[in-house]
């Protein structure tokens, strides 16, 4: 594996973790948004990630642009979760159904906060690997330039 490939692998990892953090933030933002009966509500989203060169894991990745990703990098797709909506008894709400329940997105805020924390930590690990490869490349240039 070349030094450029290791930089590209770290970059693809950072891209996936940034997407994962953005999706977690979106899910948290929609956690307490109520929907009127029969209206479309925001469903929680999930990021599916797979190493480039691995077996296909769903039709969701079939349209992903992996032509520019290095072997050993990561590709990702965002899919809707099939979590049931959360129902809260609030008959006084104008969004309540006939039984008095208001529907909210089925987002588990604790799970999303955990996902965001893990995405940030993984992003930091990819930055560390990127910087280490960059330092090695600069040191090699420094050594080669002294001849």
N, C-alpha and C. Protein backbone atom coordinates (compact mmCIF):
# COMPACT_ATOMS: atom_id res chain seq x y z
N UNK A 1 0.84 -1.16 0.00
CA UNK A 1 0.00 0.00 0.00
C UNK A 1 0.89 1.23 0.00
N UNK A 2 0.59 2.18 -0.88
CA UNK A 2 1.35 3.41 -0.97
C UNK A 2 0.88 4.44 0.04
N UNK A 3 1.70 5.45 0.20
CA UNK A 3 1.38 6.50 1.16
C UNK A 3 0.15 7.27 0.73
N UNK A 4 -0.03 7.46 -0.59
CA UNK A 4 -1.21 8.18 -1.08
C UNK A 4 -2.48 7.40 -0.80
N UNK A 5 -2.38 6.07 -0.92
CA UNK A 5 -3.55 5.24 -0.65
C UNK A 5 -3.94 5.31 0.82
N UNK A 6 -2.95 5.34 1.73
CA UNK A 6 -3.29 5.44 3.15
C UNK A 6 -3.93 6.78 3.47
N UNK A 7 -3.50 7.84 2.80
CA UNK A 7 -4.16 9.14 2.98
C UNK A 7 -5.60 9.10 2.47
N UNK A 8 -5.81 8.45 1.32
CA UNK A 8 -7.15 8.35 0.75
C UNK A 8 -8.07 7.50 1.62
N UNK A 9 -7.54 6.45 2.22
CA UNK A 9 -8.34 5.60 3.11
C UNK A 9 -8.78 6.39 4.34
N UNK A 10 -7.86 7.14 4.93
CA UNK A 10 -8.22 7.97 6.08
C UNK A 10 -9.26 9.01 5.69
N UNK A 11 -9.12 9.59 4.50
CA UNK A 11 -10.08 10.59 4.04
C UNK A 11 -11.47 9.98 3.85
N UNK A 12 -11.54 8.78 3.28
CA UNK A 12 -12.85 8.15 3.09
C UNK A 12 -13.48 7.82 4.45
N UNK A 13 -12.67 7.42 5.42
CA UNK A 13 -13.17 7.18 6.78
C UNK A 13 -13.70 8.45 7.41
N UNK A 14 -12.99 9.56 7.21
CA UNK A 14 -13.46 10.84 7.76
C UNK A 14 -14.78 11.26 7.11
N UNK A 15 -14.92 11.02 5.81
CA UNK A 15 -16.17 11.36 5.12
C UNK A 15 -17.35 10.57 5.68
N UNK A 16 -17.15 9.28 5.92
CA UNK A 16 -18.22 8.44 6.45
C UNK A 16 -18.59 8.87 7.87
N UNK A 17 -17.60 9.15 8.69
CA UNK A 17 -17.89 9.55 10.07
C UNK A 17 -18.54 10.92 10.14
N UNK A 18 -18.19 11.81 9.23
CA UNK A 18 -18.87 13.10 9.18
C UNK A 18 -20.34 12.90 8.81
N UNK A 19 -20.60 12.03 7.84
CA UNK A 19 -21.98 11.72 7.46
C UNK A 19 -22.73 11.11 8.64
N UNK A 20 -22.09 10.20 9.36
CA UNK A 20 -22.72 9.55 10.51
C UNK A 20 -23.10 10.59 11.59
N UNK A 21 -22.21 11.56 11.85
CA UNK A 21 -22.49 12.60 12.84
C UNK A 21 -23.62 13.51 12.36
N UNK A 22 -23.65 13.84 11.07
CA UNK A 22 -24.71 14.68 10.52
C UNK A 22 -26.07 13.99 10.61
N UNK A 23 -26.10 12.70 10.33
CA UNK A 23 -27.36 11.95 10.39
C UNK A 23 -27.84 11.85 11.84
N UNK A 24 -26.93 11.62 12.78
CA UNK A 24 -27.32 11.58 14.19
C UNK A 24 -27.89 12.92 14.64
N UNK A 25 -27.27 14.02 14.20
CA UNK A 25 -27.77 15.35 14.55
C UNK A 25 -29.15 15.59 13.95
N UNK A 26 -29.37 15.14 12.72
CA UNK A 26 -30.69 15.27 12.08
C UNK A 26 -31.73 14.49 12.84
N UNK A 27 -31.38 13.26 13.23
CA UNK A 27 -32.32 12.43 13.98
C UNK A 27 -32.68 13.07 15.32
N UNK A 28 -31.68 13.61 16.02
CA UNK A 28 -31.94 14.27 17.30
C UNK A 28 -32.84 15.48 17.11
N UNK A 29 -32.60 16.25 16.04
CA UNK A 29 -33.42 17.43 15.77
C UNK A 29 -34.88 17.06 15.51
N UNK A 30 -35.13 15.88 14.96
CA UNK A 30 -36.49 15.46 14.65
C UNK A 30 -37.12 14.59 15.73
N UNK A 31 -36.43 14.38 16.84
CA UNK A 31 -36.92 13.47 17.88
C UNK A 31 -38.24 13.92 18.49
N UNK A 32 -38.44 15.21 18.66
CA UNK A 32 -39.64 15.71 19.33
C UNK A 32 -40.55 16.50 18.41
N UNK A 33 -40.51 16.18 17.12
CA UNK A 33 -41.40 16.82 16.16
C UNK A 33 -42.64 15.94 16.02
N UNK A 34 -43.78 16.52 16.35
CA UNK A 34 -45.04 15.77 16.28
C UNK A 34 -45.60 15.81 14.87
N UNK A 35 -46.37 14.79 14.53
CA UNK A 35 -47.00 14.72 13.22
C UNK A 35 -48.50 14.60 13.39
N UNK A 36 -49.23 15.26 12.51
CA UNK A 36 -50.68 15.15 12.52
C UNK A 36 -51.08 13.74 12.10
N UNK A 37 -52.25 13.27 12.54
CA UNK A 37 -52.69 11.93 12.14
C UNK A 37 -52.75 11.80 10.62
N UNK A 38 -52.13 10.77 10.10
CA UNK A 38 -52.13 10.50 8.67
C UNK A 38 -51.06 11.26 7.89
N UNK A 39 -50.35 12.17 8.54
CA UNK A 39 -49.31 12.94 7.85
C UNK A 39 -48.00 12.16 7.85
N UNK A 40 -47.16 12.46 6.88
CA UNK A 40 -45.84 11.83 6.83
C UNK A 40 -44.96 12.44 7.91
N UNK A 41 -44.29 11.58 8.65
CA UNK A 41 -43.37 12.08 9.66
C UNK A 41 -41.96 11.67 9.29
N UNK A 42 -41.01 12.42 9.81
CA UNK A 42 -39.60 12.12 9.55
C UNK A 42 -39.24 10.80 10.21
N UNK A 43 -38.70 9.88 9.42
CA UNK A 43 -38.25 8.61 9.97
C UNK A 43 -36.78 8.71 10.33
N UNK A 44 -36.38 8.00 11.38
CA UNK A 44 -34.94 8.00 11.72
C UNK A 44 -34.13 7.42 10.56
N UNK A 45 -32.97 7.98 10.34
CA UNK A 45 -32.08 7.51 9.29
C UNK A 45 -30.92 6.75 9.90
N UNK A 46 -30.32 5.85 9.13
CA UNK A 46 -29.15 5.09 9.54
C UNK A 46 -28.12 5.15 8.43
N UNK A 47 -26.86 5.09 8.81
CA UNK A 47 -25.76 5.06 7.85
C UNK A 47 -25.23 3.63 7.80
N UNK A 48 -25.24 3.05 6.62
CA UNK A 48 -24.66 1.73 6.41
C UNK A 48 -23.31 1.93 5.76
N UNK A 49 -22.28 1.36 6.35
CA UNK A 49 -20.92 1.51 5.82
C UNK A 49 -20.34 0.14 5.52
N UNK A 50 -19.52 0.10 4.48
CA UNK A 50 -18.91 -1.16 4.04
C UNK A 50 -17.56 -0.86 3.42
N UNK A 51 -16.55 -1.68 3.70
CA UNK A 51 -15.25 -1.47 3.05
C UNK A 51 -15.35 -1.63 1.54
N UNK A 52 -14.61 -0.83 0.81
CA UNK A 52 -14.56 -0.95 -0.64
C UNK A 52 -13.89 -2.26 -0.99
N UNK A 53 -14.48 -2.98 -1.92
CA UNK A 53 -13.91 -4.27 -2.31
C UNK A 53 -14.57 -5.43 -1.57
N UNK A 54 -15.43 -5.12 -0.59
CA UNK A 54 -16.13 -6.17 0.16
C UNK A 54 -17.39 -6.59 -0.58
N UNK A 55 -18.09 -7.55 -0.03
CA UNK A 55 -19.33 -8.02 -0.63
C UNK A 55 -20.39 -6.94 -0.53
N UNK A 56 -21.30 -6.92 -1.51
CA UNK A 56 -22.39 -5.95 -1.49
C UNK A 56 -23.33 -6.27 -0.36
N UNK A 57 -23.77 -5.25 0.38
CA UNK A 57 -24.61 -5.53 1.54
C UNK A 57 -26.03 -5.08 1.36
N UNK A 58 -26.35 -4.34 0.33
CA UNK A 58 -27.75 -4.01 0.07
C UNK A 58 -27.86 -3.31 -1.27
N UNK A 59 -29.06 -3.19 -1.73
CA UNK A 59 -29.33 -2.46 -2.97
C UNK A 59 -29.07 -0.98 -2.76
N UNK A 60 -29.07 -0.54 -1.52
CA UNK A 60 -28.89 0.88 -1.21
C UNK A 60 -27.54 1.38 -1.68
N UNK A 61 -26.53 0.54 -1.70
CA UNK A 61 -25.21 0.96 -2.12
C UNK A 61 -24.98 0.81 -3.62
N UNK A 62 -25.95 0.26 -4.33
CA UNK A 62 -25.73 0.02 -5.75
C UNK A 62 -25.55 1.32 -6.52
N UNK A 63 -26.15 2.41 -6.03
CA UNK A 63 -26.01 3.69 -6.71
C UNK A 63 -24.90 4.54 -6.12
N UNK A 64 -24.21 4.05 -5.10
CA UNK A 64 -23.15 4.84 -4.46
C UNK A 64 -21.98 4.98 -5.42
N UNK A 65 -21.38 6.16 -5.42
CA UNK A 65 -20.25 6.41 -6.29
C UNK A 65 -18.98 5.95 -5.59
N UNK A 66 -18.52 4.75 -5.90
CA UNK A 66 -17.31 4.22 -5.27
C UNK A 66 -16.14 4.18 -6.25
N UNK A 67 -16.29 4.79 -7.41
CA UNK A 67 -15.23 4.75 -8.41
C UNK A 67 -14.00 5.51 -7.93
N UNK A 68 -14.18 6.52 -7.08
CA UNK A 68 -13.06 7.33 -6.65
C UNK A 68 -12.52 6.87 -5.30
N UNK A 69 -13.09 5.86 -4.70
CA UNK A 69 -12.63 5.40 -3.40
C UNK A 69 -11.50 4.39 -3.56
N UNK A 70 -10.51 4.46 -2.69
CA UNK A 70 -9.38 3.52 -2.79
C UNK A 70 -9.77 2.16 -2.24
N UNK A 71 -9.09 1.11 -2.71
CA UNK A 71 -9.29 -0.21 -2.14
C UNK A 71 -8.85 -0.14 -0.68
N UNK A 72 -9.71 -0.52 0.22
CA UNK A 72 -9.44 -0.39 1.64
C UNK A 72 -10.18 0.79 2.24
N UNK A 73 -10.76 1.64 1.42
CA UNK A 73 -11.56 2.77 1.90
C UNK A 73 -12.93 2.29 2.32
N UNK A 74 -13.81 3.24 2.57
CA UNK A 74 -15.15 2.93 3.06
C UNK A 74 -16.17 3.65 2.19
N UNK A 75 -17.26 2.96 1.86
CA UNK A 75 -18.38 3.59 1.18
C UNK A 75 -19.59 3.52 2.11
N UNK A 76 -20.51 4.43 1.94
CA UNK A 76 -21.65 4.50 2.85
C UNK A 76 -22.93 4.84 2.11
N UNK A 77 -24.05 4.48 2.70
CA UNK A 77 -25.36 4.82 2.18
C UNK A 77 -26.26 5.17 3.36
N UNK A 78 -27.18 6.08 3.13
CA UNK A 78 -28.14 6.47 4.16
C UNK A 78 -29.47 5.80 3.83
N UNK A 79 -30.03 5.10 4.80
CA UNK A 79 -31.31 4.41 4.62
C UNK A 79 -32.26 4.80 5.75
N UNK A 80 -33.55 4.73 5.46
CA UNK A 80 -34.56 4.99 6.48
C UNK A 80 -34.71 3.79 7.39
N UNK A 81 -34.89 4.05 8.66
CA UNK A 81 -35.12 2.99 9.64
C UNK A 81 -36.61 2.66 9.68
N UNK A 82 -36.93 1.44 10.02
CA UNK A 82 -38.34 1.04 10.10
C UNK A 82 -38.83 1.02 11.55
N UNK A 83 -38.31 1.89 12.39
CA UNK A 83 -38.71 1.98 13.79
C UNK A 83 -40.12 2.55 13.86
N UNK A 84 -40.94 1.96 14.72
CA UNK A 84 -42.31 2.43 14.89
C UNK A 84 -42.31 3.81 15.55
N UNK A 85 -43.28 4.65 15.20
CA UNK A 85 -43.34 5.96 15.84
C UNK A 85 -43.67 5.84 17.33
N UNK A 86 -43.23 6.84 18.07
CA UNK A 86 -43.48 6.89 19.51
C UNK A 86 -44.82 7.60 19.71
N UNK A 87 -45.69 7.02 20.53
CA UNK A 87 -47.01 7.60 20.79
C UNK A 87 -47.06 8.13 22.22
N UNK A 88 -47.53 9.36 22.35
CA UNK A 88 -47.64 10.00 23.65
C UNK A 88 -49.10 10.42 23.85
N UNK A 89 -49.65 10.08 25.00
CA UNK A 89 -51.03 10.45 25.31
C UNK A 89 -51.08 11.93 25.66
N UNK A 90 -51.75 12.71 24.81
CA UNK A 90 -51.92 14.15 25.01
C UNK A 90 -53.19 14.58 24.29
N UNK A 91 -54.35 14.31 24.91
CA UNK A 91 -55.62 14.61 24.24
C UNK A 91 -55.84 16.10 23.97
N UNK A 92 -55.14 16.97 24.68
CA UNK A 92 -55.33 18.42 24.49
C UNK A 92 -54.58 18.96 23.27
N UNK A 93 -53.70 18.17 22.70
CA UNK A 93 -52.92 18.61 21.55
C UNK A 93 -53.79 18.65 20.29
N UNK A 94 -53.60 19.67 19.46
CA UNK A 94 -54.36 19.70 18.20
C UNK A 94 -53.91 18.61 17.22
N UNK A 95 -52.78 17.98 17.48
CA UNK A 95 -52.27 16.92 16.61
C UNK A 95 -52.67 15.52 17.10
N UNK A 96 -53.48 15.46 18.15
CA UNK A 96 -53.88 14.16 18.72
C UNK A 96 -54.85 13.45 17.79
N UNK A 97 -54.76 12.12 17.77
CA UNK A 97 -55.70 11.33 16.98
C UNK A 97 -56.99 11.11 17.78
N UNK A 98 -57.87 10.26 17.30
CA UNK A 98 -59.16 10.04 17.95
C UNK A 98 -59.02 9.46 19.36
N UNK A 99 -57.98 8.69 19.62
CA UNK A 99 -57.75 8.12 20.95
C UNK A 99 -56.98 9.08 21.87
N UNK A 100 -56.53 10.22 21.36
CA UNK A 100 -55.82 11.19 22.18
C UNK A 100 -54.30 11.06 22.13
N UNK A 101 -53.77 10.25 21.23
CA UNK A 101 -52.32 10.06 21.13
C UNK A 101 -51.71 10.95 20.06
N UNK A 102 -50.54 11.47 20.36
CA UNK A 102 -49.76 12.25 19.41
C UNK A 102 -48.57 11.40 19.00
N UNK A 103 -48.29 11.36 17.69
CA UNK A 103 -47.19 10.54 17.19
C UNK A 103 -45.93 11.39 16.98
N UNK A 104 -44.82 10.83 17.47
CA UNK A 104 -43.51 11.43 17.29
C UNK A 104 -42.62 10.43 16.57
N UNK A 105 -41.56 10.93 15.98
CA UNK A 105 -40.60 10.06 15.31
C UNK A 105 -40.04 9.05 16.32
N UNK A 106 -39.73 7.86 15.88
CA UNK A 106 -39.24 6.80 16.76
C UNK A 106 -37.76 6.90 17.07
N UNK A 107 -37.26 8.10 17.28
CA UNK A 107 -35.84 8.33 17.54
C UNK A 107 -35.53 8.07 19.01
N UNK A 108 -34.50 7.29 19.26
CA UNK A 108 -34.00 7.09 20.62
C UNK A 108 -32.84 8.07 20.80
N UNK A 109 -33.08 9.13 21.57
CA UNK A 109 -32.09 10.20 21.70
C UNK A 109 -30.79 9.70 22.30
N UNK A 110 -30.87 8.81 23.28
CA UNK A 110 -29.65 8.27 23.89
C UNK A 110 -28.81 7.51 22.86
N UNK A 111 -29.47 6.70 22.06
CA UNK A 111 -28.77 5.95 21.01
C UNK A 111 -28.13 6.89 19.99
N UNK A 112 -28.82 7.95 19.65
CA UNK A 112 -28.28 8.91 18.69
C UNK A 112 -27.09 9.68 19.28
N UNK A 113 -27.14 10.02 20.55
CA UNK A 113 -26.00 10.69 21.19
C UNK A 113 -24.79 9.76 21.23
N UNK A 114 -25.03 8.49 21.49
CA UNK A 114 -23.95 7.51 21.48
C UNK A 114 -23.35 7.40 20.08
N UNK A 115 -24.22 7.34 19.08
CA UNK A 115 -23.76 7.26 17.69
C UNK A 115 -22.93 8.49 17.32
N UNK A 116 -23.37 9.66 17.76
CA UNK A 116 -22.63 10.88 17.45
C UNK A 116 -21.26 10.88 18.13
N UNK A 117 -21.22 10.44 19.38
CA UNK A 117 -19.96 10.38 20.11
C UNK A 117 -18.99 9.41 19.43
N UNK A 118 -19.48 8.26 19.02
CA UNK A 118 -18.63 7.28 18.34
C UNK A 118 -18.15 7.82 16.99
N UNK A 119 -19.00 8.55 16.29
CA UNK A 119 -18.59 9.13 15.01
C UNK A 119 -17.48 10.16 15.20
N UNK A 120 -17.60 10.98 16.23
CA UNK A 120 -16.57 11.98 16.51
C UNK A 120 -15.25 11.31 16.88
N UNK A 121 -15.32 10.27 17.71
CA UNK A 121 -14.09 9.56 18.10
C UNK A 121 -13.45 8.86 16.89
N UNK A 122 -14.26 8.26 16.05
CA UNK A 122 -13.73 7.60 14.85
C UNK A 122 -13.14 8.63 13.88
N UNK A 123 -13.78 9.77 13.77
CA UNK A 123 -13.25 10.84 12.93
C UNK A 123 -11.87 11.27 13.44
N UNK A 124 -11.77 11.44 14.77
CA UNK A 124 -10.48 11.82 15.36
C UNK A 124 -9.41 10.78 15.10
N UNK A 125 -9.77 9.50 15.15
CA UNK A 125 -8.80 8.43 14.88
C UNK A 125 -8.34 8.49 13.43
N UNK A 126 -9.25 8.78 12.49
CA UNK A 126 -8.87 8.91 11.09
C UNK A 126 -7.98 10.13 10.86
N UNK A 127 -8.24 11.22 11.58
CA UNK A 127 -7.38 12.40 11.47
C UNK A 127 -5.97 12.07 11.98
N UNK A 128 -5.88 11.33 13.08
CA UNK A 128 -4.57 10.93 13.61
C UNK A 128 -3.81 10.07 12.61
N UNK A 129 -4.50 9.11 11.99
CA UNK A 129 -3.85 8.25 10.99
C UNK A 129 -3.42 9.08 9.78
N UNK A 130 -4.25 10.01 9.35
CA UNK A 130 -3.94 10.88 8.21
C UNK A 130 -2.69 11.71 8.52
N UNK A 131 -2.66 12.30 9.71
CA UNK A 131 -1.51 13.13 10.10
C UNK A 131 -0.23 12.31 10.25
N UNK A 132 -0.34 11.08 10.73
CA UNK A 132 0.85 10.22 10.84
C UNK A 132 1.40 9.90 9.46
N UNK A 133 0.53 9.57 8.50
CA UNK A 133 0.98 9.28 7.14
C UNK A 133 1.59 10.53 6.50
N UNK A 134 0.98 11.66 6.75
CA UNK A 134 1.50 12.93 6.23
C UNK A 134 2.88 13.23 6.80
N UNK A 135 3.05 13.00 8.10
CA UNK A 135 4.35 13.22 8.74
C UNK A 135 5.41 12.31 8.16
N UNK A 136 5.07 11.04 7.92
CA UNK A 136 6.03 10.11 7.32
C UNK A 136 6.41 10.56 5.92
N UNK A 137 5.43 11.06 5.17
CA UNK A 137 5.70 11.51 3.81
C UNK A 137 6.62 12.74 3.83
N UNK A 138 6.37 13.66 4.72
CA UNK A 138 7.21 14.85 4.83
C UNK A 138 8.63 14.50 5.29
N UNK A 139 8.73 13.54 6.21
CA UNK A 139 10.04 13.11 6.67
C UNK A 139 10.82 12.43 5.55
N UNK A 140 10.14 11.62 4.75
CA UNK A 140 10.79 10.98 3.59
C UNK A 140 11.28 12.02 2.60
N UNK A 141 10.49 13.06 2.36
CA UNK A 141 10.92 14.14 1.47
C UNK A 141 12.12 14.88 2.06
N UNK A 142 12.11 15.07 3.36
CA UNK A 142 13.22 15.74 4.03
C UNK A 142 14.51 14.92 3.92
N UNK A 143 14.40 13.63 4.15
CA UNK A 143 15.57 12.74 4.04
C UNK A 143 16.09 12.70 2.61
N UNK A 144 15.16 12.57 1.66
CA UNK A 144 15.55 12.51 0.25
C UNK A 144 16.13 13.80 -0.28
N UNK A 145 15.78 14.91 0.32
CA UNK A 145 16.26 16.21 -0.15
C UNK A 145 17.66 16.54 0.32
N UNK A 146 18.22 15.80 1.27
CA UNK A 146 19.53 16.09 1.81
C UNK A 146 20.65 15.41 1.05
N UNK A 147 20.36 14.68 0.00
CA UNK A 147 21.41 13.97 -0.73
C UNK A 147 22.05 14.83 -1.76
